[in-house]
Amino acid sequence: CPIPRSGGAPTQPAVNALQYNWVDNLIFVSTETLDVEYGVGSMKLDHWAFGPHHVWTDPATGLVVRMWQPFNGLEVFTPGSWKTEITPEGQGYLDELAADGKTAPKAAMPGGSTFRIKCGDDGFHQDTLEVPHPTSTGDLHRARTKVPRDAYRGESFASMSSVLNKWLLREVPNSRSCDEFSVEELQRLQIVLFTLRDPELNAVYNGTADVRHMPRELDVMAREWESLNAEAARDPELARMHRDGHCHEAVMWYVHHLPESMKASIRDRASLPLLSQMRHDLSLAQPHAVRVQRAYEEKVTCASCHSAVYPNTGGVVTV
């Protein structure tokens, strides 16, 4: 329930949300060739703008492919997925709106969404400094604990993954095999986990050079992912390694960066990847594979504490 402000400046007066017909006011900017995010690839698109809001459309169909700040952040619509009509789901949301604007939609009310931002109990904007999912003493104790209990460890990489998968299925019953996810799906999941993270936990990891630490800049990380996606796509084995690394990292982020109160609120609806039990061989590093292999090694840090086998960077040292 955030309130938009001109230029994003807190001192500026609040403005209303974008009207439903804001796209009718778009002004043509140029025709551009872009490398569209999330694996869509290179496309020639028409660029339109309305104030700080930008839209890129397919010149042949006029359908939207990419948006920047349509409401908040980046939105990408894989060609063919854009709907020109109101879907039943969308109509359901419209039906919840009151003509006088005095009733909030169900999604903004308590219990209506997995998490809400700046929403009061009435479903409308409320400025507050209260943290919705505060860090507990137990969360901080676990973050400061460097060696997991024996019940969470295995004798090898494969046994470690098997043991942790059993715990994961108890915690998040809808979790699925790693190979059922595409790397792009895993990256989108990680972006969600990044937004749900508790910075206080990450501060503990950063302060002790703990391998569980999370990168600070999401945009830098996203650009790195795009580059690695392109490199991994050239080789099926590299692609599997790249995906498996993201499965391990996504689980680590969920387990070690979300406070228990947040986990409790999403576990019944979340679907996490199970850990791949295959330990990819890095001993024969090829020049075209070095960056992907190094990224994989950095992602499977579970082995540092949860198994008796430690990462081997033998062939992956320098670019």
C-alpha atoms as a PDB file:
ATOM      1  CA  CYS A   1       0.000   0.000   0.000  1.00  0.00           C
ATOM      2  CA  PRO A   2       2.779   2.501  -0.751  1.00  0.00           C
ATOM      3  CA  ILE A   3       1.938   6.079  -1.684  1.00  0.00           C
ATOM      4  CA  PRO A   4       3.717   7.334  -4.836  1.00  0.00           C
ATOM      5  CA  ARG A   5       5.460  10.702  -4.566  1.00  0.00           C
ATOM      6  CA  SER A   6       6.738  12.932  -7.350  1.00  0.00           C
ATOM      7  CA  GLY A   7      10.327  12.009  -8.159  1.00  0.00           C
ATOM      8  CA  GLY A   8      10.294   9.468  -5.328  1.00  0.00           C
ATOM      9  CA  ALA A   9      11.181  12.273  -2.882  1.00  0.00           C
ATOM     10  CA  PRO A  10       9.738  11.805   0.637  1.00  0.00           C
ATOM     11  CA  THR A  11       9.251  15.577   0.953  1.00  0.00           C
ATOM     12  CA  GLN A  12       6.959  15.752  -2.084  1.00  0.00           C
ATOM     13  CA  PRO A  13       3.181  15.510  -1.693  1.00  0.00           C
ATOM     14  CA  ALA A  14       1.548  12.171  -2.385  1.00  0.00           C
ATOM     15  CA  VAL A  15       0.023  11.497  -5.792  1.00  0.00           C
ATOM     16  CA  ASN A  16      -2.557   8.950  -6.826  1.00  0.00           C
ATOM     17  CA  ALA A  17      -1.697   5.634  -8.446  1.00  0.00           C
ATOM     18  CA  LEU A  18      -1.554   5.406 -12.242  1.00  0.00           C
ATOM     19  CA  GLN A  19      -4.945   5.440 -13.910  1.00  0.00           C
ATOM     20  CA  TYR A  20      -6.087   2.362 -15.796  1.00  0.00           C
ATOM     21  CA  ASN A  21      -5.765   4.194 -19.143  1.00  0.00           C
ATOM     22  CA  TRP A  22      -2.285   5.643 -18.619  1.00  0.00           C
ATOM     23  CA  VAL A  23      -0.947   3.757 -21.653  1.00  0.00           C
ATOM     24  CA  ASP A  24      -3.206   5.884 -23.886  1.00  0.00           C
ATOM     25  CA  ASN A  25      -0.920   8.829 -23.108  1.00  0.00           C
ATOM     26  CA  LEU A  26       2.371   7.199 -24.126  1.00  0.00           C
ATOM     27  CA  ILE A  27       4.762   9.197 -26.339  1.00  0.00           C
ATOM     28  CA  PHE A  28       6.944   7.412 -28.906  1.00  0.00           C
ATOM     29  CA  VAL A  29      10.681   7.620 -28.105  1.00  0.00           C
ATOM     30  CA  SER A  30      12.525   5.383 -30.596  1.00  0.00           C
ATOM     31  CA  THR A  31      12.891   1.908 -32.072  1.00  0.00           C
ATOM     32  CA  GLU A  32      15.599   0.007 -30.216  1.00  0.00           C
ATOM     33  CA  THR A  33      17.279  -3.397 -30.199  1.00  0.00           C
ATOM     34  CA  LEU A  34      17.430  -4.709 -26.633  1.00  0.00           C
ATOM     35  CA  ASP A  35      18.588  -7.880 -24.921  1.00  0.00           C
ATOM     36  CA  VAL A  36      15.351  -8.515 -23.039  1.00  0.00           C
ATOM     37  CA  GLU A  37      15.773  -9.962 -19.560  1.00  0.00           C
ATOM     38  CA  TYR A  38      14.797 -13.386 -18.171  1.00  0.00           C
ATOM     39  CA  GLY A  39      15.975 -15.327 -21.197  1.00  0.00           C
ATOM     40  CA  VAL A  40      13.730 -13.634 -23.782  1.00  0.00           C
ATOM     41  CA  GLY A  41      16.799 -12.518 -25.755  1.00  0.00           C
ATOM     42  CA  SER A  42      17.501  -9.890 -28.396  1.00  0.00           C
ATOM     43  CA  MET A  43      14.452  -8.106 -29.812  1.00  0.00           C
ATOM     44  CA  LYS A  44      13.782  -5.004 -31.887  1.00  0.00           C
ATOM     45  CA  LEU A  45      11.167  -3.031 -29.952  1.00  0.00           C
ATOM     46  CA  ASP A  46       9.345   0.301 -30.042  1.00  0.00           C
ATOM     47  CA  HIS A  47      10.087   2.398 -26.952  1.00  0.00           C
ATOM     48  CA  TRP A  48       7.313   4.574 -25.462  1.00  0.00           C
ATOM     49  CA  ALA A  49       7.269   6.794 -22.366  1.00  0.00           C
ATOM     50  CA  PHE A  50       4.873   8.681 -20.128  1.00  0.00           C
ATOM     51  CA  GLY A  51       6.768  10.653 -17.485  1.00  0.00           C
ATOM     52  CA  PRO A  52       9.016   8.161 -15.629  1.00  0.00           C
ATOM     53  CA  HIS A  53       7.027   5.195 -16.974  1.00  0.00           C
ATOM     54  CA  HIS A  54       8.418   3.306 -19.997  1.00  0.00           C
ATOM     55  CA  VAL A  55       6.986   0.623 -22.284  1.00  0.00           C
ATOM     56  CA  TRP A  56       8.596  -1.438 -25.073  1.00  0.00           C
ATOM     57  CA  THR A  57       6.259  -3.066 -27.608  1.00  0.00           C
ATOM     58  CA  ASP A  58       6.618  -5.512 -30.488  1.00  0.00           C
ATOM     59  CA  PRO A  59       6.415  -3.396 -33.695  1.00  0.00           C
ATOM     60  CA  ALA A  60       4.652  -6.220 -35.550  1.00  0.00           C
ATOM     61  CA  THR A  61       1.846  -6.773 -33.035  1.00  0.00           C
ATOM     62  CA  GLY A  62       1.862  -3.699 -30.806  1.00  0.00           C
ATOM     63  CA  LEU A  63       1.833  -5.973 -27.757  1.00  0.00           C
ATOM     64  CA  VAL A  64       3.842  -5.096 -24.646  1.00  0.00           C
ATOM     65  CA  VAL A  65       7.070  -7.025 -24.070  1.00  0.00           C
ATOM     66  CA  ARG A  66       8.834  -4.935 -21.431  1.00  0.00           C
ATOM     67  CA  MET A  67       7.889  -2.218 -18.925  1.00  0.00           C
ATOM     68  CA  TRP A  68       9.939  -0.051 -16.592  1.00  0.00           C
ATOM     69  CA  GLN A  69       8.052   1.456 -13.632  1.00  0.00           C
ATOM     70  CA  PRO A  70       4.545   0.582 -14.841  1.00  0.00           C
ATOM     71  CA  PHE A  71       3.745   0.444 -11.135  1.00  0.00           C
ATOM     72  CA  ASN A  72       7.080  -0.446  -9.534  1.00  0.00           C
ATOM     73  CA  GLY A  73      10.290  -1.833 -11.017  1.00  0.00           C
ATOM     74  CA  LEU A  74      10.821  -3.948 -14.140  1.00  0.00           C
ATOM     75  CA  GLU A  75       8.170  -6.150 -15.753  1.00  0.00           C
ATOM     76  CA  VAL A  76       8.910  -8.518 -18.655  1.00  0.00           C
ATOM     77  CA  PHE A  77       6.193 -10.328 -20.616  1.00  0.00           C
ATOM     78  CA  THR A  78       7.444 -13.246 -22.693  1.00  0.00           C
ATOM     79  CA  PRO A  79       6.112 -12.799 -26.260  1.00  0.00           C
ATOM     80  CA  GLY A  80       2.725 -14.489 -26.421  1.00  0.00           C
ATOM     81  CA  SER A  81       1.927 -14.082 -22.717  1.00  0.00           C
ATOM     82  CA  TRP A  82       0.469 -10.550 -22.842  1.00  0.00           C
ATOM     83  CA  LYS A  83      -3.328 -10.594 -22.510  1.00  0.00           C
ATOM     84  CA  THR A  84      -5.336  -8.007 -24.445  1.00  0.00           C
ATOM     85  CA  GLU A  85      -8.540  -8.879 -22.611  1.00  0.00           C
ATOM     86  CA  ILE A  86      -9.413  -8.825 -18.921  1.00  0.00           C
ATOM     87  CA  THR A  87      -8.725 -12.273 -17.475  1.00  0.00           C
ATOM     88  CA  PRO A  88     -11.132 -13.864 -14.959  1.00  0.00           C
ATOM     89  CA  GLU A  89      -8.506 -13.292 -12.274  1.00  0.00           C
ATOM     90  CA  GLY A  90      -8.200  -9.638 -13.238  1.00  0.00           C
ATOM     91  CA  GLN A  91     -11.974  -9.219 -13.293  1.00  0.00           C
ATOM     92  CA  GLY A  92     -12.092 -10.655  -9.793  1.00  0.00           C
ATOM     93  CA  TYR A  93      -9.735  -7.937  -8.585  1.00  0.00           C
ATOM     94  CA  LEU A  94     -11.813  -5.255 -10.322  1.00  0.00           C
ATOM     95  CA  ASP A  95     -14.992  -6.571  -8.718  1.00  0.00           C
ATOM     96  CA  GLU A  96     -13.455  -6.020  -5.274  1.00  0.00           C
ATOM     97  CA  LEU A  97     -13.041  -2.282  -5.848  1.00  0.00           C
ATOM     98  CA  ALA A  98     -15.684   0.013  -4.383  1.00  0.00           C
ATOM     99  CA  ALA A  99     -16.986   2.895  -6.517  1.00  0.00           C
ATOM    100  CA  ASP A 100     -16.389   5.388  -3.705  1.00  0.00           C
ATOM    101  CA  GLY A 101     -12.844   4.135  -3.082  1.00  0.00           C
ATOM    102  CA  LYS A 102     -13.534   3.552   0.610  1.00  0.00           C
ATOM    103  CA  THR A 103     -13.072  -0.221   0.591  1.00  0.00           C
ATOM    104  CA  ALA A 104      -9.642  -1.772   0.037  1.00  0.00           C
ATOM    105  CA  PRO A 105      -9.208  -4.921  -2.092  1.00  0.00           C
ATOM    106  CA  LYS A 106      -8.883  -8.210  -0.219  1.00  0.00           C
ATOM    107  CA  ALA A 107      -5.195  -8.533  -1.139  1.00  0.00           C
ATOM    108  CA  ALA A 108      -4.437  -5.384   0.886  1.00  0.00           C
ATOM    109  CA  MET A 109      -6.277  -6.613   3.987  1.00  0.00           C
ATOM    110  CA  PRO A 110      -4.671  -8.656   6.797  1.00  0.00           C
ATOM    111  CA  GLY A 111      -4.220 -12.238   5.600  1.00  0.00           C
ATOM    112  CA  GLY A 112      -4.955 -11.326   1.995  1.00  0.00           C
ATOM    113  CA  SER A 113      -1.355 -11.517   0.771  1.00  0.00           C
ATOM    114  CA  THR A 114       1.819 -13.359   1.667  1.00  0.00           C
ATOM    115  CA  PHE A 115       3.292 -10.047   2.750  1.00  0.00           C
ATOM    116  CA  ARG A 116       2.044  -6.463   2.641  1.00  0.00           C
ATOM    117  CA  ILE A 117       3.993  -3.210   2.451  1.00  0.00           C
ATOM    118  CA  LYS A 118       2.852  -0.164   4.457  1.00  0.00           C
ATOM    119  CA  CYS A 119      -0.723  -1.441   4.770  1.00  0.00           C
ATOM    120  CA  GLY A 120      -2.845  -0.686   7.827  1.00  0.00           C
ATOM    121  CA  ASP A 121      -5.507  -3.041   9.163  1.00  0.00           C
ATOM    122  CA  ASP A 122      -8.028  -1.273   6.920  1.00  0.00           C
ATOM    123  CA  GLY A 123      -6.000  -2.121   3.795  1.00  0.00           C
ATOM    124  CA  PHE A 124      -4.930   1.458   3.122  1.00  0.00           C
ATOM    125  CA  HIS A 125      -1.558   3.186   3.339  1.00  0.00           C
ATOM    126  CA  GLN A 126      -0.031   3.580   6.774  1.00  0.00           C
ATOM    127  CA  ASP A 127       3.369   5.089   7.524  1.00  0.00           C
ATOM    128  CA  THR A 128       5.089   2.914  10.094  1.00  0.00           C
ATOM    129  CA  LEU A 129       8.552   2.014  11.280  1.00  0.00           C
ATOM    130  CA  GLU A 130       7.363  -1.300  12.658  1.00  0.00           C
ATOM    131  CA  VAL A 131       9.097  -4.337  11.156  1.00  0.00           C
ATOM    132  CA  PRO A 132       6.387  -6.863  10.075  1.00  0.00           C
ATOM    133  CA  HIS A 133       8.631  -9.894  10.631  1.00  0.00           C
ATOM    134  CA  PRO A 134      11.172  -8.921  13.314  1.00  0.00           C
ATOM    135  CA  THR A 135      14.366 -10.851  13.899  1.00  0.00           C
ATOM    136  CA  SER A 136      14.023 -13.142  16.887  1.00  0.00           C
ATOM    137  CA  THR A 137      16.686 -14.184  19.371  1.00  0.00           C
ATOM    138  CA  GLY A 138      16.525 -17.666  17.845  1.00  0.00           C
ATOM    139  CA  ASP A 139      17.147 -16.290  14.341  1.00  0.00           C
ATOM    140  CA  LEU A 140      20.237 -14.429  15.528  1.00  0.00           C
ATOM    141  CA  HIS A 141      21.515 -17.414  17.522  1.00  0.00           C
ATOM    142  CA  ARG A 142      21.317 -19.636  14.446  1.00  0.00           C
ATOM    143  CA  ALA A 143      23.059 -17.005  12.316  1.00  0.00           C
ATOM    144  CA  ARG A 144      25.923 -16.836  14.811  1.00  0.00           C
ATOM    145  CA  THR A 145      26.208 -20.638  14.976  1.00  0.00           C
ATOM    146  CA  LYS A 146      28.870 -21.754  12.506  1.00  0.00           C
ATOM    147  CA  VAL A 147      28.638 -25.556  12.771  1.00  0.00           C
ATOM    148  CA  PRO A 148      25.271 -27.260  12.163  1.00  0.00           C
ATOM    149  CA  ARG A 149      24.049 -30.076  14.375  1.00  0.00           C
ATOM    150  CA  ASP A 150      24.821 -33.662  13.339  1.00  0.00           C
ATOM    151  CA  ALA A 151      21.213 -34.210  12.249  1.00  0.00           C
ATOM    152  CA  TYR A 152      21.798 -31.669   9.472  1.00  0.00           C
ATOM    153  CA  ARG A 153      25.054 -33.127   8.160  1.00  0.00           C
ATOM    154  CA  GLY A 154      26.150 -35.871   5.756  1.00  0.00           C
ATOM    155  CA  GLU A 155      29.335 -37.798   5.094  1.00  0.00           C
ATOM    156  CA  SER A 156      29.511 -36.780   1.448  1.00  0.00           C
ATOM    157  CA  PHE A 157      28.067 -34.161  -0.866  1.00  0.00           C
ATOM    158  CA  ALA A 158      25.327 -36.560  -1.997  1.00  0.00           C
ATOM    159  CA  SER A 159      24.395 -37.686   1.520  1.00  0.00           C
ATOM    160  CA  MET A 160      24.420 -34.079   2.742  1.00  0.00           C
ATOM    161  CA  SER A 161      21.993 -33.117  -0.026  1.00  0.00           C
ATOM    162  CA  SER A 162      19.762 -36.096   0.759  1.00  0.00           C
ATOM    163  CA  VAL A 163      19.662 -35.274   4.484  1.00  0.00           C
ATOM    164  CA  LEU A 164      18.910 -31.599   3.907  1.00  0.00           C
ATOM    165  CA  ASN A 165      16.222 -32.429   1.334  1.00  0.00           C
ATOM    166  CA  LYS A 166      14.346 -34.481   3.937  1.00  0.00           C
ATOM    167  CA  TRP A 167      14.375 -31.523   6.308  1.00  0.00           C
ATOM    168  CA  LEU A 168      13.381 -29.181   3.506  1.00  0.00           C
ATOM    169  CA  LEU A 169      10.329 -31.271   2.584  1.00  0.00           C
ATOM    170  CA  ARG A 170       9.209 -31.157   6.219  1.00  0.00           C
ATOM    171  CA  GLU A 171       9.645 -27.377   6.255  1.00  0.00           C
ATOM    172  CA  VAL A 172       8.273 -26.592   2.767  1.00  0.00           C
ATOM    173  CA  PRO A 173       6.113 -29.558   1.623  1.00  0.00           C
ATOM    174  CA  ASN A 174       5.578 -28.198  -1.904  1.00  0.00           C
ATOM    175  CA  SER A 175       9.295 -28.283  -2.731  1.00  0.00           C
ATOM    176  CA  ARG A 176      10.186 -30.001  -6.019  1.00  0.00           C
ATOM    177  CA  SER A 177      13.175 -31.604  -7.697  1.00  0.00           C
ATOM    178  CA  CYS A 178      15.836 -29.160  -8.847  1.00  0.00           C
ATOM    179  CA  ASP A 179      15.578 -30.329 -12.455  1.00  0.00           C
ATOM    180  CA  GLU A 180      11.903 -29.291 -12.564  1.00  0.00           C
ATOM    181  CA  PHE A 181      12.992 -25.640 -12.464  1.00  0.00           C
ATOM    182  CA  SER A 182      14.578 -23.585 -15.218  1.00  0.00           C
ATOM    183  CA  VAL A 183      17.470 -21.360 -14.219  1.00  0.00           C
ATOM    184  CA  GLU A 184      15.314 -18.308 -14.978  1.00  0.00           C
ATOM    185  CA  GLU A 185      12.598 -19.568 -12.607  1.00  0.00           C
ATOM    186  CA  LEU A 186      15.192 -20.070  -9.901  1.00  0.00           C
ATOM    187  CA  GLN A 187      16.538 -16.575 -10.405  1.00  0.00           C
ATOM    188  CA  ARG A 188      13.057 -15.086 -10.130  1.00  0.00           C
ATOM    189  CA  LEU A 189      12.574 -17.073  -6.928  1.00  0.00           C
ATOM    190  CA  GLN A 190      15.846 -15.724  -5.580  1.00  0.00           C
ATOM    191  CA  ILE A 191      14.778 -12.162  -6.332  1.00  0.00           C
ATOM    192  CA  VAL A 192      11.667 -12.777  -4.202  1.00  0.00           C
ATOM    193  CA  LEU A 193      13.796 -14.260  -1.412  1.00  0.00           C
ATOM    194  CA  PHE A 194      16.129 -11.269  -1.668  1.00  0.00           C
ATOM    195  CA  THR A 195      13.206  -8.902  -1.068  1.00  0.00           C
ATOM    196  CA  LEU A 196      12.074 -10.979   1.944  1.00  0.00           C
ATOM    197  CA  ARG A 197      15.532 -11.223   3.515  1.00  0.00           C
ATOM    198  CA  ASP A 198      16.349  -9.863   6.963  1.00  0.00           C
ATOM    199  CA  PRO A 199      19.295  -7.416   6.679  1.00  0.00           C
ATOM    200  CA  GLU A 200      20.137  -8.006  10.340  1.00  0.00           C
ATOM    201  CA  LEU A 201      20.965 -11.647   9.606  1.00  0.00           C
ATOM    202  CA  ASN A 202      23.120 -10.702   6.637  1.00  0.00           C
ATOM    203  CA  ALA A 203      24.981  -8.221   8.845  1.00  0.00           C
ATOM    204  CA  VAL A 204      25.942 -11.118  11.120  1.00  0.00           C
ATOM    205  CA  TYR A 205      27.310 -13.094   8.172  1.00  0.00           C
ATOM    206  CA  ASN A 206      29.180 -10.138   6.686  1.00  0.00           C
ATOM    207  CA  GLY A 207      30.685  -9.265  10.046  1.00  0.00           C
ATOM    208  CA  THR A 208      32.280 -12.701  10.394  1.00  0.00           C
ATOM    209  CA  ALA A 209      33.205 -13.398   6.744  1.00  0.00           C
ATOM    210  CA  ASP A 210      30.597 -16.184   6.758  1.00  0.00           C
ATOM    211  CA  VAL A 211      30.009 -17.919   3.403  1.00  0.00           C
ATOM    212  CA  ARG A 212      26.273 -17.564   3.985  1.00  0.00           C
ATOM    213  CA  HIS A 213      26.409 -13.823   3.292  1.00  0.00           C
ATOM    214  CA  MET A 214      24.196 -12.423   0.542  1.00  0.00           C
ATOM    215  CA  PRO A 215      25.268  -9.822  -2.058  1.00  0.00           C
ATOM    216  CA  ARG A 216      24.182  -6.275  -1.259  1.00  0.00           C
ATOM    217  CA  GLU A 217      23.265  -5.039  -4.752  1.00  0.00           C
ATOM    218  CA  LEU A 218      20.419  -6.786  -6.568  1.00  0.00           C
ATOM    219  CA  ASP A 219      20.999  -5.021  -9.893  1.00  0.00           C
ATOM    220  CA  VAL A 220      24.681  -6.033  -9.964  1.00  0.00           C
ATOM    221  CA  MET A 221      23.725  -9.622  -9.187  1.00  0.00           C
ATOM    222  CA  ALA A 222      21.036  -9.636 -11.908  1.00  0.00           C
ATOM    223  CA  ARG A 223      23.514  -8.446 -14.535  1.00  0.00           C
ATOM    224  CA  GLU A 224      25.940 -11.169 -13.490  1.00  0.00           C
ATOM    225  CA  TRP A 225      23.187 -13.768 -13.811  1.00  0.00           C
ATOM    226  CA  GLU A 226      22.334 -12.641 -17.333  1.00  0.00           C
ATOM    227  CA  SER A 227      25.968 -12.954 -18.383  1.00  0.00           C
ATOM    228  CA  LEU A 228      26.331 -16.405 -16.814  1.00  0.00           C
ATOM    229  CA  ASN A 229      23.041 -17.570 -18.364  1.00  0.00           C
ATOM    230  CA  ALA A 230      24.405 -16.777 -21.818  1.00  0.00           C
ATOM    231  CA  GLU A 231      27.674 -18.609 -21.163  1.00  0.00           C
ATOM    232  CA  ALA A 232      26.003 -21.672 -19.639  1.00  0.00           C
ATOM    233  CA  ALA A 233      23.525 -21.962 -22.530  1.00  0.00           C
ATOM    234  CA  ARG A 234      26.369 -22.938 -24.883  1.00  0.00           C
ATOM    235  CA  ASP A 235      27.020 -26.255 -23.140  1.00  0.00           C
ATOM    236  CA  PRO A 236      24.354 -28.658 -21.735  1.00  0.00           C
ATOM    237  CA  GLU A 237      26.631 -29.808 -18.902  1.00  0.00           C
ATOM    238  CA  LEU A 238      27.415 -26.230 -17.941  1.00  0.00           C
ATOM    239  CA  ALA A 239      23.694 -25.431 -18.037  1.00  0.00           C
ATOM    240  CA  ARG A 240      22.981 -28.266 -15.564  1.00  0.00           C
ATOM    241  CA  MET A 241      25.791 -27.094 -13.305  1.00  0.00           C
ATOM    242  CA  HIS A 242      24.533 -23.518 -13.455  1.00  0.00           C
ATOM    243  CA  ARG A 243      20.981 -24.581 -12.569  1.00  0.00           C
ATOM    244  CA  ASP A 244      22.086 -26.920  -9.758  1.00  0.00           C
ATOM    245  CA  GLY A 245      24.146 -24.132  -8.224  1.00  0.00           C
ATOM    246  CA  HIS A 246      21.100 -21.874  -8.135  1.00  0.00           C
ATOM    247  CA  CYS A 247      19.077 -24.632  -6.431  1.00  0.00           C
ATOM    248  CA  HIS A 248      21.636 -24.804  -3.622  1.00  0.00           C
ATOM    249  CA  GLU A 249      21.858 -21.039  -3.304  1.00  0.00           C
ATOM    250  CA  ALA A 250      18.077 -20.509  -3.277  1.00  0.00           C
ATOM    251  CA  VAL A 251      17.661 -23.011  -0.436  1.00  0.00           C
ATOM    252  CA  MET A 252      20.514 -21.413   1.513  1.00  0.00           C
ATOM    253  CA  TRP A 253      18.912 -17.982   1.163  1.00  0.00           C
ATOM    254  CA  TYR A 254      15.554 -19.290   2.385  1.00  0.00           C
ATOM    255  CA  VAL A 255      17.029 -21.150   5.353  1.00  0.00           C
ATOM    256  CA  HIS A 256      19.585 -18.594   6.515  1.00  0.00           C
ATOM    257  CA  HIS A 257      18.198 -15.193   5.475  1.00  0.00           C
ATOM    258  CA  LEU A 258      14.473 -15.320   6.229  1.00  0.00           C
ATOM    259  CA  PRO A 259      13.338 -14.913   9.857  1.00  0.00           C
ATOM    260  CA  GLU A 260      11.213 -17.743  11.201  1.00  0.00           C
ATOM    261  CA  SER A 261       8.099 -15.551  11.275  1.00  0.00           C
ATOM    262  CA  MET A 262       8.431 -14.892   7.535  1.00  0.00           C
ATOM    263  CA  LYS A 263       8.967 -18.592   6.782  1.00  0.00           C
ATOM    264  CA  ALA A 264       5.847 -19.462   8.748  1.00  0.00           C
ATOM    265  CA  SER A 265       3.787 -17.022   6.679  1.00  0.00           C
ATOM    266  CA  ILE A 266       4.838 -18.422   3.287  1.00  0.00           C
ATOM    267  CA  ARG A 267       5.772 -22.097   3.778  1.00  0.00           C
ATOM    268  CA  ASP A 268       2.379 -23.499   2.754  1.00  0.00           C
ATOM    269  CA  ARG A 269       2.432 -21.568  -0.538  1.00  0.00           C
ATOM    270  CA  ALA A 270       6.142 -21.633  -1.309  1.00  0.00           C
ATOM    271  CA  SER A 271       7.772 -24.105  -3.692  1.00  0.00           C
ATOM    272  CA  LEU A 272      11.520 -24.432  -3.254  1.00  0.00           C
ATOM    273  CA  PRO A 273      13.946 -26.554  -5.275  1.00  0.00           C
ATOM    274  CA  LEU A 274      15.385 -29.625  -3.634  1.00  0.00           C
ATOM    275  CA  LEU A 275      19.171 -29.819  -3.577  1.00  0.00           C
ATOM    276  CA  SER A 276      20.796 -31.635  -6.475  1.00  0.00           C
ATOM    277  CA  GLN A 277      22.790 -34.586  -5.131  1.00  0.00           C
ATOM    278  CA  MET A 278      25.258 -34.449  -8.024  1.00  0.00           C
ATOM    279  CA  ARG A 279      28.615 -32.832  -7.282  1.00  0.00           C
ATOM    280  CA  HIS A 280      29.814 -31.415 -10.606  1.00  0.00           C
ATOM    281  CA  ASP A 281      33.472 -32.081 -11.430  1.00  0.00           C
ATOM    282  CA  LEU A 282      35.525 -28.901 -11.581  1.00  0.00           C
ATOM    283  CA  SER A 283      38.919 -30.548 -12.004  1.00  0.00           C
ATOM    284  CA  LEU A 284      38.982 -30.142 -15.792  1.00  0.00           C
ATOM    285  CA  ALA A 285      38.276 -26.450 -16.195  1.00  0.00           C
ATOM    286  CA  GLN A 286      37.869 -25.249 -19.780  1.00  0.00           C
ATOM    287  CA  PRO A 287      38.507 -21.590 -20.679  1.00  0.00           C
ATOM    288  CA  HIS A 288      34.892 -21.026 -21.776  1.00  0.00           C
ATOM    289  CA  ALA A 289      33.578 -22.583 -18.553  1.00  0.00           C
ATOM    290  CA  VAL A 290      35.667 -20.898 -15.863  1.00  0.00           C
ATOM    291  CA  ARG A 291      33.178 -18.187 -14.849  1.00  0.00           C
ATOM    292  CA  VAL A 292      30.223 -20.584 -14.661  1.00  0.00           C
ATOM    293  CA  GLN A 293      32.273 -23.118 -12.694  1.00  0.00           C
ATOM    294  CA  ARG A 294      33.461 -20.490 -10.245  1.00  0.00           C
ATOM    295  CA  ALA A 295      29.898 -19.251  -9.746  1.00  0.00           C
ATOM    296  CA  TYR A 296      28.773 -22.837  -9.083  1.00  0.00           C
ATOM    297  CA  GLU A 297      31.514 -23.299  -6.501  1.00  0.00           C
ATOM    298  CA  GLU A 298      30.404 -20.153  -4.706  1.00  0.00           C
ATOM    299  CA  LYS A 299      26.784 -21.318  -4.646  1.00  0.00           C
ATOM    300  CA  VAL A 300      27.272 -24.815  -3.177  1.00  0.00           C
ATOM    301  CA  THR A 301      28.717 -23.520   0.084  1.00  0.00           C
ATOM    302  CA  CYS A 302      26.404 -25.858   2.050  1.00  0.00           C
ATOM    303  CA  ALA A 303      29.183 -28.434   1.732  1.00  0.00           C
ATOM    304  CA  SER A 304      31.516 -26.255   3.792  1.00  0.00           C
ATOM    305  CA  CYS A 305      29.573 -27.006   6.975  1.00  0.00           C
ATOM    306  CA  HIS A 306      26.970 -29.677   6.244  1.00  0.00           C
ATOM    307  CA  SER A 307      29.284 -32.398   4.875  1.00  0.00           C
ATOM    308  CA  ALA A 308      32.724 -33.847   5.406  1.00  0.00           C
ATOM    309  CA  VAL A 309      33.640 -32.865   1.837  1.00  0.00           C
ATOM    310  CA  TYR A 310      34.881 -29.334   1.265  1.00  0.00           C
ATOM    311  CA  PRO A 311      34.724 -27.405  -2.006  1.00  0.00           C
ATOM    312  CA  ASN A 312      37.639 -28.086  -4.318  1.00  0.00           C
ATOM    313  CA  THR A 313      38.637 -25.136  -6.461  1.00  0.00           C
ATOM    314  CA  GLY A 314      41.489 -27.110  -8.011  1.00  0.00           C
ATOM    315  CA  GLY A 315      41.066 -26.132 -11.650  1.00  0.00           C
ATOM    316  CA  VAL A 316      39.174 -22.901 -11.101  1.00  0.00           C
ATOM    317  CA  VAL A 317      41.571 -20.269  -9.871  1.00  0.00           C
ATOM    318  CA  THR A 318      41.900 -17.386 -12.297  1.00  0.00           C
ATOM    319  CA  VAL A 319      40.225 -16.111 -15.436  1.00  0.00           C
END
